[in-house]
C-alpha atoms as a PDB file:
ATOM      1  CA  MET A   1      36.749   9.850  56.928  1.00  0.00           C
ATOM      2  CA  THR A   2      34.839   6.603  55.063  1.00  0.00           C
ATOM      3  CA  ALA A   3      31.499   6.994  55.978  1.00  0.00           C
ATOM      4  CA  VAL A   4      29.655   7.368  52.491  1.00  0.00           C
ATOM      5  CA  LYS A   5      26.943   9.436  51.875  1.00  0.00           C
ATOM      6  CA  ALA A   6      22.966   8.367  51.302  1.00  0.00           C
ATOM      7  CA  GLY A   7      23.165   9.350  48.009  1.00  0.00           C
ATOM      8  CA  GLU A   8      26.346   7.048  46.779  1.00  0.00           C
ATOM      9  CA  VAL A   9      25.247   3.978  48.606  1.00  0.00           C
ATOM     10  CA  GLU A  10      23.302   2.100  45.434  1.00  0.00           C
ATOM     11  CA  GLY A  11      26.038   3.106  42.772  1.00  0.00           C
ATOM     12  CA  LEU A  12      28.834   1.541  45.454  1.00  0.00           C
ATOM     13  CA  LEU A  13      26.646  -1.555  45.615  1.00  0.00           C
ATOM     14  CA  ARG A  14      26.348  -2.229  41.620  1.00  0.00           C
ATOM     15  CA  ARG A  15      30.165  -1.699  41.272  1.00  0.00           C
ATOM     16  CA  GLY A  16      31.023  -3.279  44.334  1.00  0.00           C
ATOM     17  CA  PRO A  17      33.813  -1.547  47.370  1.00  0.00           C
ATOM     18  CA  ASP A  18      36.848  -1.266  46.837  1.00  0.00           C
ATOM     19  CA  PRO A  19      38.773  -5.063  47.894  1.00  0.00           C
ATOM     20  CA  ARG A  20      41.141  -3.109  50.023  1.00  0.00           C
ATOM     21  CA  ILE A  21      38.254  -2.212  52.183  1.00  0.00           C
ATOM     22  CA  ALA A  22      38.246  -5.085  54.731  1.00  0.00           C
ATOM     23  CA  VAL A  23      35.515  -4.102  56.790  1.00  0.00           C
ATOM     24  CA  ILE A  24      31.588  -2.602  55.853  1.00  0.00           C
ATOM     25  CA  LEU A  25      29.209  -1.174  58.468  1.00  0.00           C
ATOM     26  CA  VAL A  26      25.637  -1.332  57.456  1.00  0.00           C
ATOM     27  CA  TYR A  27      23.304   0.824  59.649  1.00  0.00           C
ATOM     28  CA  GLY A  28      20.108   3.207  59.969  1.00  0.00           C
ATOM     29  CA  PRO A  29      16.949   3.229  60.681  1.00  0.00           C
ATOM     30  CA  ASP A  30      15.654   1.170  58.388  1.00  0.00           C
ATOM     31  CA  THR A  31      15.930  -1.969  59.527  1.00  0.00           C
ATOM     32  CA  GLY A  32      14.712  -3.355  56.370  1.00  0.00           C
ATOM     33  CA  LEU A  33      16.842  -1.926  54.276  1.00  0.00           C
ATOM     34  CA  VAL A  34      20.112  -2.471  56.208  1.00  0.00           C
ATOM     35  CA  ALA A  35      19.722  -6.338  56.299  1.00  0.00           C
ATOM     36  CA  GLU A  36      19.017  -6.517  52.592  1.00  0.00           C
ATOM     37  CA  ARG A  37      22.258  -4.130  51.838  1.00  0.00           C
ATOM     38  CA  ALA A  38      24.310  -6.446  54.459  1.00  0.00           C
ATOM     39  CA  ARG A  39      22.926  -9.534  52.848  1.00  0.00           C
ATOM     40  CA  ARG A  40      23.722  -8.313  49.182  1.00  0.00           C
ATOM     41  CA  LEU A  41      28.079  -7.146  50.147  1.00  0.00           C
ATOM     42  CA  ALA A  42      28.018 -10.450  51.847  1.00  0.00           C
ATOM     43  CA  GLU A  43      27.156 -12.810  49.239  1.00  0.00           C
ATOM     44  CA  GLN A  44      28.800 -10.773  46.438  1.00  0.00           C
ATOM     45  CA  ALA A  45      31.899 -11.881  48.465  1.00  0.00           C
ATOM     46  CA  VAL A  46      32.084 -15.210  47.890  1.00  0.00           C
ATOM     47  CA  ASP A  47      31.425 -17.094  45.202  1.00  0.00           C
ATOM     48  CA  ASP A  48      28.554 -19.859  46.594  1.00  0.00           C
ATOM     49  CA  PRO A  49      26.675 -17.435  49.462  1.00  0.00           C
ATOM     50  CA  ALA A  50      25.170 -21.017  50.818  1.00  0.00           C
ATOM     51  CA  ASP A  51      28.329 -22.731  51.548  1.00  0.00           C
ATOM     52  CA  PRO A  52      28.889 -21.942  55.364  1.00  0.00           C
ATOM     53  CA  PHE A  53      32.622 -22.349  55.175  1.00  0.00           C
ATOM     54  CA  ALA A  54      32.308 -19.532  52.371  1.00  0.00           C
ATOM     55  CA  LEU A  55      30.070 -17.081  53.811  1.00  0.00           C
ATOM     56  CA  VAL A  56      30.475 -17.418  57.890  1.00  0.00           C
ATOM     57  CA  LYS A  57      27.546 -15.844  60.316  1.00  0.00           C
ATOM     58  CA  LEU A  58      27.897 -14.321  63.477  1.00  0.00           C
ATOM     59  CA  ASP A  59      26.130 -12.839  66.085  1.00  0.00           C
ATOM     60  CA  GLY A  60      27.221  -9.780  67.625  1.00  0.00           C
ATOM     61  CA  ASP A  61      26.419 -10.752  70.742  1.00  0.00           C
ATOM     62  CA  VAL A  62      28.991 -13.695  70.244  1.00  0.00           C
ATOM     63  CA  LEU A  63      31.839 -11.097  69.279  1.00  0.00           C
ATOM     64  CA  ALA A  64      31.074  -8.824  72.724  1.00  0.00           C
ATOM     65  CA  SER A  65      32.113 -12.278  75.069  1.00  0.00           C
ATOM     66  CA  ASP A  66      34.733 -13.213  72.472  1.00  0.00           C
ATOM     67  CA  PRO A  67      36.224 -10.268  70.688  1.00  0.00           C
ATOM     68  CA  GLY A  68      39.413 -12.636  69.195  1.00  0.00           C
ATOM     69  CA  ARG A  69      36.890 -14.738  67.259  1.00  0.00           C
ATOM     70  CA  LEU A  70      36.265 -12.308  64.039  1.00  0.00           C
ATOM     71  CA  VAL A  71      40.332 -11.812  63.722  1.00  0.00           C
ATOM     72  CA  ASP A  72      40.161 -15.818  64.073  1.00  0.00           C
ATOM     73  CA  GLU A  73      37.199 -15.858  61.230  1.00  0.00           C
ATOM     74  CA  ALA A  74      38.715 -13.476  58.967  1.00  0.00           C
ATOM     75  CA  GLY A  75      42.635 -14.976  58.822  1.00  0.00           C
ATOM     76  CA  THR A  76      41.064 -18.726  58.134  1.00  0.00           C
ATOM     77  CA  VAL A  77      41.596 -19.933  55.253  1.00  0.00           C
ATOM     78  CA  GLY A  78      38.549 -21.927  53.430  1.00  0.00           C
ATOM     79  CA  LEU A  79      38.803 -25.923  53.455  1.00  0.00           C
ATOM     80  CA  PHE A  80      38.549 -25.606  49.602  1.00  0.00           C
ATOM     81  CA  GLY A  81      40.450 -22.349  48.833  1.00  0.00           C
ATOM     82  CA  GLY A  82      37.773 -19.754  47.422  1.00  0.00           C
ATOM     83  CA  LYS A  83      36.608 -15.808  48.615  1.00  0.00           C
ATOM     84  CA  ARG A  84      35.509 -15.724  52.010  1.00  0.00           C
ATOM     85  CA  ALA A  85      33.076 -13.163  53.929  1.00  0.00           C
ATOM     86  CA  VAL A  86      32.040 -13.115  57.220  1.00  0.00           C
ATOM     87  CA  TRP A  87      28.637 -11.360  58.114  1.00  0.00           C
ATOM     88  CA  VAL A  88      27.776 -10.035  61.605  1.00  0.00           C
ATOM     89  CA  ARG A  89      24.536  -9.898  62.623  1.00  0.00           C
ATOM     90  CA  PRO A  90      22.972  -6.938  64.693  1.00  0.00           C
ATOM     91  CA  GLY A  91      23.912  -7.765  68.489  1.00  0.00           C
ATOM     92  CA  SER A  92      22.869  -5.577  72.148  1.00  0.00           C
ATOM     93  CA  ARG A  93      26.528  -5.032  73.650  1.00  0.00           C
ATOM     94  CA  ASN A  94      29.338  -3.366  72.617  1.00  0.00           C
ATOM     95  CA  TYR A  95      31.429  -5.160  69.829  1.00  0.00           C
ATOM     96  CA  ALA A  96      33.379  -2.336  68.530  1.00  0.00           C
ATOM     97  CA  PRO A  97      36.662  -3.863  69.703  1.00  0.00           C
ATOM     98  CA  ALA A  98      36.287  -6.933  67.600  1.00  0.00           C
ATOM     99  CA  VAL A  99      35.904  -4.656  64.470  1.00  0.00           C
ATOM    100  CA  GLU A 100      38.507  -2.456  65.733  1.00  0.00           C
ATOM    101  CA  ALA A 101      40.885  -5.634  65.963  1.00  0.00           C
ATOM    102  CA  ALA A 102      39.540  -6.807  62.877  1.00  0.00           C
ATOM    103  CA  LEU A 103      40.917  -3.249  61.154  1.00  0.00           C
ATOM    104  CA  THR A 104      44.415  -3.891  62.136  1.00  0.00           C
ATOM    105  CA  GLN A 105      45.200  -7.392  61.099  1.00  0.00           C
ATOM    106  CA  GLU A 106      46.633  -6.970  57.520  1.00  0.00           C
ATOM    107  CA  GLY A 107      47.418  -9.843  54.735  1.00  0.00           C
ATOM    108  CA  THR A 108      43.497 -10.965  54.716  1.00  0.00           C
ATOM    109  CA  ASP A 109      40.954 -10.540  52.110  1.00  0.00           C
ATOM    110  CA  THR A 110      38.316 -12.061  54.232  1.00  0.00           C
ATOM    111  CA  ARG A 111      35.558  -9.340  53.697  1.00  0.00           C
ATOM    112  CA  ILE A 112      33.678  -8.465  56.786  1.00  0.00           C
ATOM    113  CA  VAL A 113      29.898  -7.163  56.444  1.00  0.00           C
ATOM    114  CA  VAL A 114      28.690  -5.903  59.973  1.00  0.00           C
ATOM    115  CA  GLU A 115      25.002  -5.378  59.745  1.00  0.00           C
ATOM    116  CA  ALA A 116      24.129  -3.031  63.225  1.00  0.00           C
ATOM    117  CA  GLY A 117      20.809  -0.690  64.058  1.00  0.00           C
ATOM    118  CA  ASP A 118      20.354   2.944  64.056  1.00  0.00           C
ATOM    119  CA  LEU A 119      23.898   4.044  65.580  1.00  0.00           C
ATOM    120  CA  ALA A 120      24.393   7.435  66.572  1.00  0.00           C
ATOM    121  CA  LYS A 121      27.623   9.617  65.644  1.00  0.00           C
ATOM    122  CA  SER A 122      29.274   8.757  68.868  1.00  0.00           C
ATOM    123  CA  ALA A 123      28.345   5.172  69.070  1.00  0.00           C
ATOM    124  CA  PRO A 124      31.512   3.329  69.089  1.00  0.00           C
ATOM    125  CA  LEU A 125      30.926   1.054  66.308  1.00  0.00           C
ATOM    126  CA  ARG A 126      30.448   3.357  64.208  1.00  0.00           C
ATOM    127  CA  VAL A 127      33.162   5.861  65.306  1.00  0.00           C
ATOM    128  CA  VAL A 128      35.435   2.888  64.087  1.00  0.00           C
ATOM    129  CA  CYS A 129      34.551   2.677  60.804  1.00  0.00           C
ATOM    130  CA  GLU A 130      34.589   6.124  60.315  1.00  0.00           C
ATOM    131  CA  ARG A 131      37.909   7.188  61.457  1.00  0.00           C
ATOM    132  CA  SER A 132      39.587   3.712  59.239  1.00  0.00           C
ATOM    133  CA  PRO A 133      40.462   3.770  55.932  1.00  0.00           C
ATOM    134  CA  ARG A 134      40.499   0.028  55.376  1.00  0.00           C
ATOM    135  CA  ALA A 135      36.505   0.340  56.755  1.00  0.00           C
ATOM    136  CA  LEU A 136      33.136   1.862  55.536  1.00  0.00           C
ATOM    137  CA  ALA A 137      30.140   3.258  57.155  1.00  0.00           C
ATOM    138  CA  ILE A 138      26.637   2.635  55.327  1.00  0.00           C
ATOM    139  CA  PRO A 139      24.327   4.113  56.097  1.00  0.00           C
ATOM    140  CA  CYS A 140      20.327   2.979  55.411  1.00  0.00           C
ATOM    141  CA  TYR A 141      17.356   5.689  55.617  1.00  0.00           C
ATOM    142  CA  PRO A 142      13.880   5.271  54.853  1.00  0.00           C
ATOM    143  CA  ASP A 143      13.892   4.649  50.393  1.00  0.00           C
ATOM    144  CA  ASP A 144      12.668   8.340  48.534  1.00  0.00           C
ATOM    145  CA  ALA A 145      10.927   8.214  45.620  1.00  0.00           C
ATOM    146  CA  GLY A 146      13.687   7.704  42.976  1.00  0.00           C
ATOM    147  CA  THR A 147      15.036   4.279  45.383  1.00  0.00           C
ATOM    148  CA  LEU A 148      11.878   2.889  45.392  1.00  0.00           C
ATOM    149  CA  ALA A 149      11.628   3.059  41.644  1.00  0.00           C
ATOM    150  CA  GLU A 150      14.630   1.488  41.035  1.00  0.00           C
ATOM    151  CA  LEU A 151      14.153  -0.756  43.496  1.00  0.00           C
ATOM    152  CA  ILE A 152      10.791  -1.628  42.259  1.00  0.00           C
ATOM    153  CA  GLU A 153      12.400  -1.971  38.526  1.00  0.00           C
ATOM    154  CA  ARG A 154      15.211  -3.818  39.666  1.00  0.00           C
ATOM    155  CA  THR A 155      13.160  -6.591  41.824  1.00  0.00           C
ATOM    156  CA  LEU A 156      10.476  -7.280  38.798  1.00  0.00           C
ATOM    157  CA  ARG A 157      13.004  -7.191  36.320  1.00  0.00           C
ATOM    158  CA  ALA A 158      14.978 -10.010  37.959  1.00  0.00           C
ATOM    159  CA  ASP A 159      11.885 -12.064  37.579  1.00  0.00           C
ATOM    160  CA  GLY A 160      11.241 -11.007  33.538  1.00  0.00           C
ATOM    161  CA  LEU A 161       8.776  -7.981  34.324  1.00  0.00           C
ATOM    162  CA  ARG A 162       8.697  -4.650  32.933  1.00  0.00           C
ATOM    163  CA  ILE A 163       6.031  -2.518  34.660  1.00  0.00           C
ATOM    164  CA  THR A 164       4.806   0.500  33.236  1.00  0.00           C
ATOM    165  CA  ARG A 165       5.454   4.025  34.585  1.00  0.00           C
ATOM    166  CA  GLU A 166       2.006   4.684  35.747  1.00  0.00           C
ATOM    167  CA  ALA A 167       1.734   1.564  37.700  1.00  0.00           C
ATOM    168  CA  ARG A 168       5.268   1.843  38.896  1.00  0.00           C
ATOM    169  CA  ASP A 169       4.130   5.336  40.468  1.00  0.00           C
ATOM    170  CA  LEU A 170       1.181   3.549  42.000  1.00  0.00           C
ATOM    171  CA  LEU A 171       2.899   0.864  43.944  1.00  0.00           C
ATOM    172  CA  ALA A 172       5.637   3.284  45.232  1.00  0.00           C
ATOM    173  CA  GLY A 173       3.327   5.780  46.726  1.00  0.00           C
ATOM    174  CA  SER A 174       1.972   2.855  48.591  1.00  0.00           C
ATOM    175  CA  LEU A 175       5.560   2.231  50.058  1.00  0.00           C
ATOM    176  CA  GLY A 176       8.244   3.442  51.741  1.00  0.00           C
ATOM    177  CA  GLY A 177       9.612   3.064  55.078  1.00  0.00           C
ATOM    178  CA  ASP A 178      10.491  -0.502  55.274  1.00  0.00           C
ATOM    179  CA  ARG A 179      13.020  -2.061  52.733  1.00  0.00           C
ATOM    180  CA  ARG A 180      11.487  -5.320  53.912  1.00  0.00           C
ATOM    181  CA  ALA A 181       8.028  -4.899  53.717  1.00  0.00           C
ATOM    182  CA  SER A 182       8.697  -2.997  50.378  1.00  0.00           C
ATOM    183  CA  LEU A 183      10.673  -5.859  49.439  1.00  0.00           C
ATOM    184  CA  GLY A 184       7.751  -8.330  50.186  1.00  0.00           C
ATOM    185  CA  GLU A 185       4.780  -6.384  48.450  1.00  0.00           C
ATOM    186  CA  ILE A 186       6.945  -6.098  45.411  1.00  0.00           C
ATOM    187  CA  GLU A 187       7.727  -9.324  45.299  1.00  0.00           C
ATOM    188  CA  LYS A 188       3.919 -10.298  45.583  1.00  0.00           C
ATOM    189  CA  LEU A 189       3.365  -8.600  42.896  1.00  0.00           C
ATOM    190  CA  ALA A 190       5.735 -10.491  40.626  1.00  0.00           C
ATOM    191  CA  LEU A 191       4.189 -13.543  41.488  1.00  0.00           C
ATOM    192  CA  TYR A 192       0.900 -12.721  40.791  1.00  0.00           C
ATOM    193  CA  ALA A 193       2.194 -11.232  37.324  1.00  0.00           C
ATOM    194  CA  ARG A 194       4.760 -13.582  36.458  1.00  0.00           C
ATOM    195  CA  GLY A 195       4.713 -14.930  32.863  1.00  0.00           C
ATOM    196  CA  GLN A 196       2.588 -11.979  31.133  1.00  0.00           C
ATOM    197  CA  GLY A 197       5.782  -9.643  30.920  1.00  0.00           C
ATOM    198  CA  GLU A 198       4.507  -6.176  31.839  1.00  0.00           C
ATOM    199  CA  VAL A 199       3.156  -5.277  34.671  1.00  0.00           C
ATOM    200  CA  GLY A 200       0.185  -2.585  35.138  1.00  0.00           C
ATOM    201  CA  ILE A 201      -2.164  -0.727  37.003  1.00  0.00           C
ATOM    202  CA  GLU A 202      -4.636  -3.305  36.889  1.00  0.00           C
ATOM    203  CA  ASP A 203      -2.266  -5.876  38.362  1.00  0.00           C
ATOM    204  CA  VAL A 204      -1.005  -3.393  41.345  1.00  0.00           C
ATOM    205  CA  GLU A 205      -4.648  -2.490  42.234  1.00  0.00           C
ATOM    206  CA  ALA A 206      -5.256  -6.363  42.735  1.00  0.00           C
ATOM    207  CA  ILE A 207      -2.658  -7.205  44.907  1.00  0.00           C
ATOM    208  CA  GLY A 208      -3.154  -4.078  47.174  1.00  0.00           C
ATOM    209  CA  SER A 209      -1.484  -3.909  49.947  1.00  0.00           C
ATOM    210  CA  ASP A 210      -1.270  -5.545  53.067  1.00  0.00           C
ATOM    211  CA  VAL A 211       1.302  -3.248  54.997  1.00  0.00           C
ATOM    212  CA  SER A 212      -0.849   0.026  54.229  1.00  0.00           C
ATOM    213  CA  ASP A 213      -4.210  -1.345  55.059  1.00  0.00           C
ATOM    214  CA  LYS A 214      -6.325   0.700  56.852  1.00  0.00           C
ATOM    215  CA  MET A 215      -7.099  -2.238  59.298  1.00  0.00           C
ATOM    216  CA  LEU A 216      -3.076  -2.069  60.236  1.00  0.00           C
ATOM    217  CA  ASN A 217      -3.447   1.763  60.761  1.00  0.00           C
ATOM    218  CA  ALA A 218      -6.525   1.139  63.421  1.00  0.00           C
ATOM    219  CA  LEU A 219      -3.904  -1.168  65.018  1.00  0.00           C
ATOM    220  CA  ILE A 220      -0.954   1.493  65.302  1.00  0.00           C
ATOM    221  CA  ASP A 221      -3.610   4.333  65.846  1.00  0.00           C
ATOM    222  CA  ALA A 222      -5.139   2.424  69.078  1.00  0.00           C
ATOM    223  CA  ALA A 223      -2.034   1.576  70.391  1.00  0.00           C
ATOM    224  CA  PHE A 224      -0.217   5.610  69.991  1.00  0.00           C
ATOM    225  CA  ALA A 225      -3.615   7.105  71.179  1.00  0.00           C
ATOM    226  CA  GLY A 226      -3.631   5.138  74.589  1.00  0.00           C
ATOM    227  CA  ARG A 227      -6.712   2.808  73.662  1.00  0.00           C
ATOM    228  CA  VAL A 228      -5.513  -0.337  75.417  1.00  0.00           C
ATOM    229  CA  ALA A 229      -8.499  -2.856  75.081  1.00  0.00           C
ATOM    230  CA  GLU A 230      -8.800  -2.329  71.286  1.00  0.00           C
ATOM    231  CA  THR A 231      -5.073  -2.504  70.711  1.00  0.00           C
ATOM    232  CA  GLU A 232      -5.022  -5.972  72.458  1.00  0.00           C
ATOM    233  CA  ARG A 233      -8.344  -6.848  70.334  1.00  0.00           C
ATOM    234  CA  SER A 234      -6.246  -5.712  66.724  1.00  0.00           C
ATOM    235  CA  TYR A 235      -3.179  -7.267  67.610  1.00  0.00           C
ATOM    236  CA  ARG A 236      -4.836 -10.901  68.307  1.00  0.00           C
ATOM    237  CA  ARG A 237      -6.623 -10.565  65.329  1.00  0.00           C
ATOM    238  CA  PHE A 238      -3.377  -9.504  62.993  1.00  0.00           C
ATOM    239  CA  GLN A 239      -1.723 -12.650  64.827  1.00  0.00           C
ATOM    240  CA  ILE A 240      -4.382 -14.795  63.877  1.00  0.00           C
ATOM    241  CA  GLU A 241      -4.625 -13.823  60.373  1.00  0.00           C
ATOM    242  CA  GLY A 242      -0.473 -14.528  60.221  1.00  0.00           C
ATOM    243  CA  MET A 243       0.438 -10.995  59.297  1.00  0.00           C
ATOM    244  CA  ASP A 244       4.310 -11.262  60.173  1.00  0.00           C
ATOM    245  CA  ALA A 245       4.836  -9.704  63.578  1.00  0.00           C
ATOM    246  CA  SER A 246       8.137  -8.085  62.037  1.00  0.00           C
ATOM    247  CA  VAL A 247       5.726  -6.024  59.524  1.00  0.00           C
ATOM    248  CA  MET A 248       3.663  -4.625  61.937  1.00  0.00           C
ATOM    249  CA  LEU A 249       6.285  -3.153  64.082  1.00  0.00           C
ATOM    250  CA  GLY A 250       7.895  -1.685  61.235  1.00  0.00           C
ATOM    251  CA  ALA A 251       4.578   0.025  60.313  1.00  0.00           C
ATOM    252  CA  ALA A 252       4.717   1.401  63.484  1.00  0.00           C
ATOM    253  CA  LEU A 253       8.036   2.227  64.017  1.00  0.00           C
ATOM    254  CA  ARG A 254       7.575   4.821  60.027  1.00  0.00           C
ATOM    255  CA  HIS A 255       4.410   6.000  61.924  1.00  0.00           C
ATOM    256  CA  ALA A 256       6.507   6.561  65.490  1.00  0.00           C
ATOM    257  CA  LEU A 257       8.926   8.305  63.015  1.00  0.00           C
ATOM    258  CA  THR A 258       6.571  10.568  61.144  1.00  0.00           C
ATOM    259  CA  LEU A 259       5.011  11.669  64.495  1.00  0.00           C
ATOM    260  CA  LEU A 260       8.541  12.847  65.878  1.00  0.00           C
ATOM    261  CA  ALA A 261       9.290  14.653  62.794  1.00  0.00           C
ATOM    262  CA  THR A 262       6.125  16.388  62.981  1.00  0.00           C
ATOM    263  CA  ARG A 263       6.267  17.556  67.123  1.00  0.00           C
ATOM    264  CA  LEU A 264       9.909  18.558  65.982  1.00  0.00           C
ATOM    265  CA  ASP A 265       8.626  20.460  62.557  1.00  0.00           C
ATOM    266  CA  GLY A 266       5.709  21.677  64.603  1.00  0.00           C
ATOM    267  CA  GLU A 267       7.281  23.030  67.727  1.00  0.00           C
ATOM    268  CA  GLY A 268       4.811  25.927  69.527  1.00  0.00           C
ATOM    269  CA  LYS A 269       1.862  24.530  67.416  1.00  0.00           C
ATOM    270  CA  SER A 270      -0.985  23.075  68.651  1.00  0.00           C
ATOM    271  CA  PRO A 271      -1.829  19.292  67.266  1.00  0.00           C
ATOM    272  CA  GLY A 272      -4.865  20.206  65.044  1.00  0.00           C
ATOM    273  CA  ALA A 273      -2.264  22.822  63.189  1.00  0.00           C
ATOM    274  CA  MET A 274       0.360  19.979  62.957  1.00  0.00           C
ATOM    275  CA  VAL A 275      -2.315  17.217  61.588  1.00  0.00           C
ATOM    276  CA  ALA A 276      -2.917  20.130  58.891  1.00  0.00           C
ATOM    277  CA  GLY A 277       0.338  19.594  57.787  1.00  0.00           C
ATOM    278  CA  TRP A 278       0.783  16.132  57.287  1.00  0.00           C
ATOM    279  CA  ARG A 279       0.998  15.295  53.622  1.00  0.00           C
ATOM    280  CA  GLY A 280      -0.999  11.830  52.763  1.00  0.00           C
ATOM    281  CA  LEU A 281      -3.201  11.891  56.344  1.00  0.00           C
ATOM    282  CA  HIS A 282      -6.474  10.290  55.615  1.00  0.00           C
ATOM    283  CA  PHE A 283      -8.994  12.882  56.729  1.00  0.00           C
ATOM    284  CA  ARG A 284     -10.885   9.903  59.088  1.00  0.00           C
ATOM    285  CA  ARG A 285      -7.559   9.381  60.836  1.00  0.00           C
ATOM    286  CA  GLN A 286      -7.329  13.216  61.757  1.00  0.00           C
ATOM    287  CA  ARG A 287      -8.636  13.469  64.750  1.00  0.00           C
ATOM    288  CA  ILE A 288      -6.710  10.577  66.517  1.00  0.00           C
ATOM    289  CA  VAL A 289      -3.437  11.049  65.351  1.00  0.00           C
ATOM    290  CA  GLU A 290      -4.189  14.542  66.987  1.00  0.00           C
ATOM    291  CA  THR A 291      -4.310  12.870  69.911  1.00  0.00           C
ATOM    292  CA  GLN A 292      -1.526  11.013  69.596  1.00  0.00           C
ATOM    293  CA  LEU A 293       0.467  14.328  69.303  1.00  0.00           C
ATOM    294  CA  ALA A 294      -0.945  16.262  72.019  1.00  0.00           C
ATOM    295  CA  ARG A 295       0.263  12.586  74.556  1.00  0.00           C
ATOM    296  CA  TRP A 296       3.245  11.677  73.033  1.00  0.00           C
ATOM    297  CA  SER A 297       6.517  14.483  73.299  1.00  0.00           C
ATOM    298  CA  PRO A 298       9.564  14.521  70.963  1.00  0.00           C
ATOM    299  CA  ALA A 299      11.774  12.665  74.307  1.00  0.00           C
ATOM    300  CA  SER A 300       9.170  10.096  74.769  1.00  0.00           C
ATOM    301  CA  LEU A 301       8.544   9.502  70.892  1.00  0.00           C
ATOM    302  CA  ARG A 302      12.597   9.075  70.786  1.00  0.00           C
ATOM    303  CA  ARG A 303      12.133   6.356  72.910  1.00  0.00           C
ATOM    304  CA  ALA A 304       9.159   4.628  71.169  1.00  0.00           C
ATOM    305  CA  VAL A 305      11.591   4.728  68.051  1.00  0.00           C
ATOM    306  CA  ALA A 306      14.502   2.969  70.309  1.00  0.00           C
ATOM    307  CA  LEU A 307      12.277   0.430  71.597  1.00  0.00           C
ATOM    308  CA  LEU A 308      10.583  -0.374  67.972  1.00  0.00           C
ATOM    309  CA  GLN A 309      13.737  -0.372  66.568  1.00  0.00           C
ATOM    310  CA  GLU A 310      14.988  -3.068  68.473  1.00  0.00           C
ATOM    311  CA  ALA A 311      12.135  -4.879  68.825  1.00  0.00           C
ATOM    312  CA  VAL A 312      11.961  -5.317  64.907  1.00  0.00           C
ATOM    313  CA  LEU A 313      15.954  -6.921  64.732  1.00  0.00           C
ATOM    314  CA  ASN A 314      14.531  -9.348  67.289  1.00  0.00           C
ATOM    315  CA  ALA A 315      11.642 -10.179  65.869  1.00  0.00           C
ATOM    316  CA  ARG A 316      13.118 -10.596  62.629  1.00  0.00           C
ATOM    317  CA  ARG A 317      15.387 -12.542  64.325  1.00  0.00           C
ATOM    318  CA  ALA A 318      13.590 -15.032  66.353  1.00  0.00           C
ATOM    319  CA  GLY A 319       9.959 -15.417  63.685  1.00  0.00           C
ATOM    320  CA  GLY A 320       7.097 -17.157  64.960  1.00  0.00           C
ATOM    321  CA  ASP A 321       5.301 -16.870  68.236  1.00  0.00           C
ATOM    322  CA  PHE A 322       8.379 -15.322  70.128  1.00  0.00           C
ATOM    323  CA  ALA A 323       8.294 -12.644  67.291  1.00  0.00           C
ATOM    324  CA  HIS A 324       4.877 -12.160  68.200  1.00  0.00           C
ATOM    325  CA  ALA A 325       5.200 -12.126  72.064  1.00  0.00           C
ATOM    326  CA  VAL A 326       7.887  -9.587  71.812  1.00  0.00           C
ATOM    327  CA  ALA A 327       5.409  -7.349  68.992  1.00  0.00           C
ATOM    328  CA  ALA A 328       2.361  -7.843  71.062  1.00  0.00           C
ATOM    329  CA  ASP A 329       4.122  -6.905  74.355  1.00  0.00           C
ATOM    330  CA  LEU A 330       5.113  -3.763  73.305  1.00  0.00           C
ATOM    331  CA  PHE A 331       2.409  -2.808  71.187  1.00  0.00           C
ATOM    332  CA  LEU A 332       0.667  -2.933  74.750  1.00  0.00           C
ATOM    333  CA  ARG A 333       3.420  -1.040  76.407  1.00  0.00           C
ATOM    334  CA  LEU A 334       2.936   1.520  73.841  1.00  0.00           C
ATOM    335  CA  ALA A 335      -0.532   1.923  74.478  1.00  0.00           C
ATOM    336  CA  SER A 336      -0.158   1.746  78.177  1.00  0.00           C
ATOM    337  CA  GLU A 337       1.731   4.183  78.174  1.00  0.00           C
ATOM    338  CA  ALA A 338      -0.376   6.687  75.990  1.00  0.00           C
ATOM    339  CA  ALA A 339      -3.149   6.154  78.353  1.00  0.00           C
ATOM    340  CA  ARG A 340      -1.177   7.390  81.556  1.00  0.00           C
ATOM    341  CA  ARG A 341      -0.158  10.660  79.540  1.00  0.00           C
ATOM    342  CA  GLY A 342      -3.788  10.951  78.667  1.00  0.00           C
END
């Protein structure tokens, strides 16, 4: 069994995996964290991450059509020698046979990093990696307070900055749920404070947090409460203002996960009683969240979470207008489903 426990992942990343490990599977509901860890593992395996011959990137769907491609890439010797890695990006089709074939291939030093979504324990890709002594399966769940604090300090340190404990705790309170969005906020803070040595509370307050902005909550609340017209208007506003589609989808995914956890924990309780136990929920949002809890069952929320996870991946891979088309369509689908349930 080579599944890595969530609490052991950061230590493994710092010291590096055992060189005898051929395949590293990175998966989980936090797509931003999955992408960031996959990137770190792939880039640390080669001398020059910018060299396309040293770090080869493949799409999972390509491997589904051509399973032997991964074995071929892993066995290829670089034109100028040196270490090589293959980074497999998420796909919508089953490419576990390609990974399984690569695990049986001996005599190669190429590291294979597989970036995936939220895989069930029975998912073929996860089963193949967890059963093999030559593979690691690394889960990526939303950051907790300790992990966020470490992420903040590490990211700012890379820019030559320190942060006071009070400022760190304030920033950490506005982050979480999606590693990519969190990193964006920390990097924005680093840019703002560049050259001043230490980051204080006033700096954190100055940059604010677009991800946690109340208007973004308004969009998400409108969608999950079934307010179709309001959802469409709010989305257009954010698109015009230039907000990243994957950030909006990531925020909606975090909300859907929180709704699901609240529904499961509050089994048998009224929506009002469930809202009363929702920590950090602003009192002005309580009524509309009650409406959401009344309209969405655990089963329907699981479907919404799956759709949002897929949309986040598609938006991040595509970017631009196509990403917004994906996001806008899904927000309206969620709003229509909630309206139908009302």
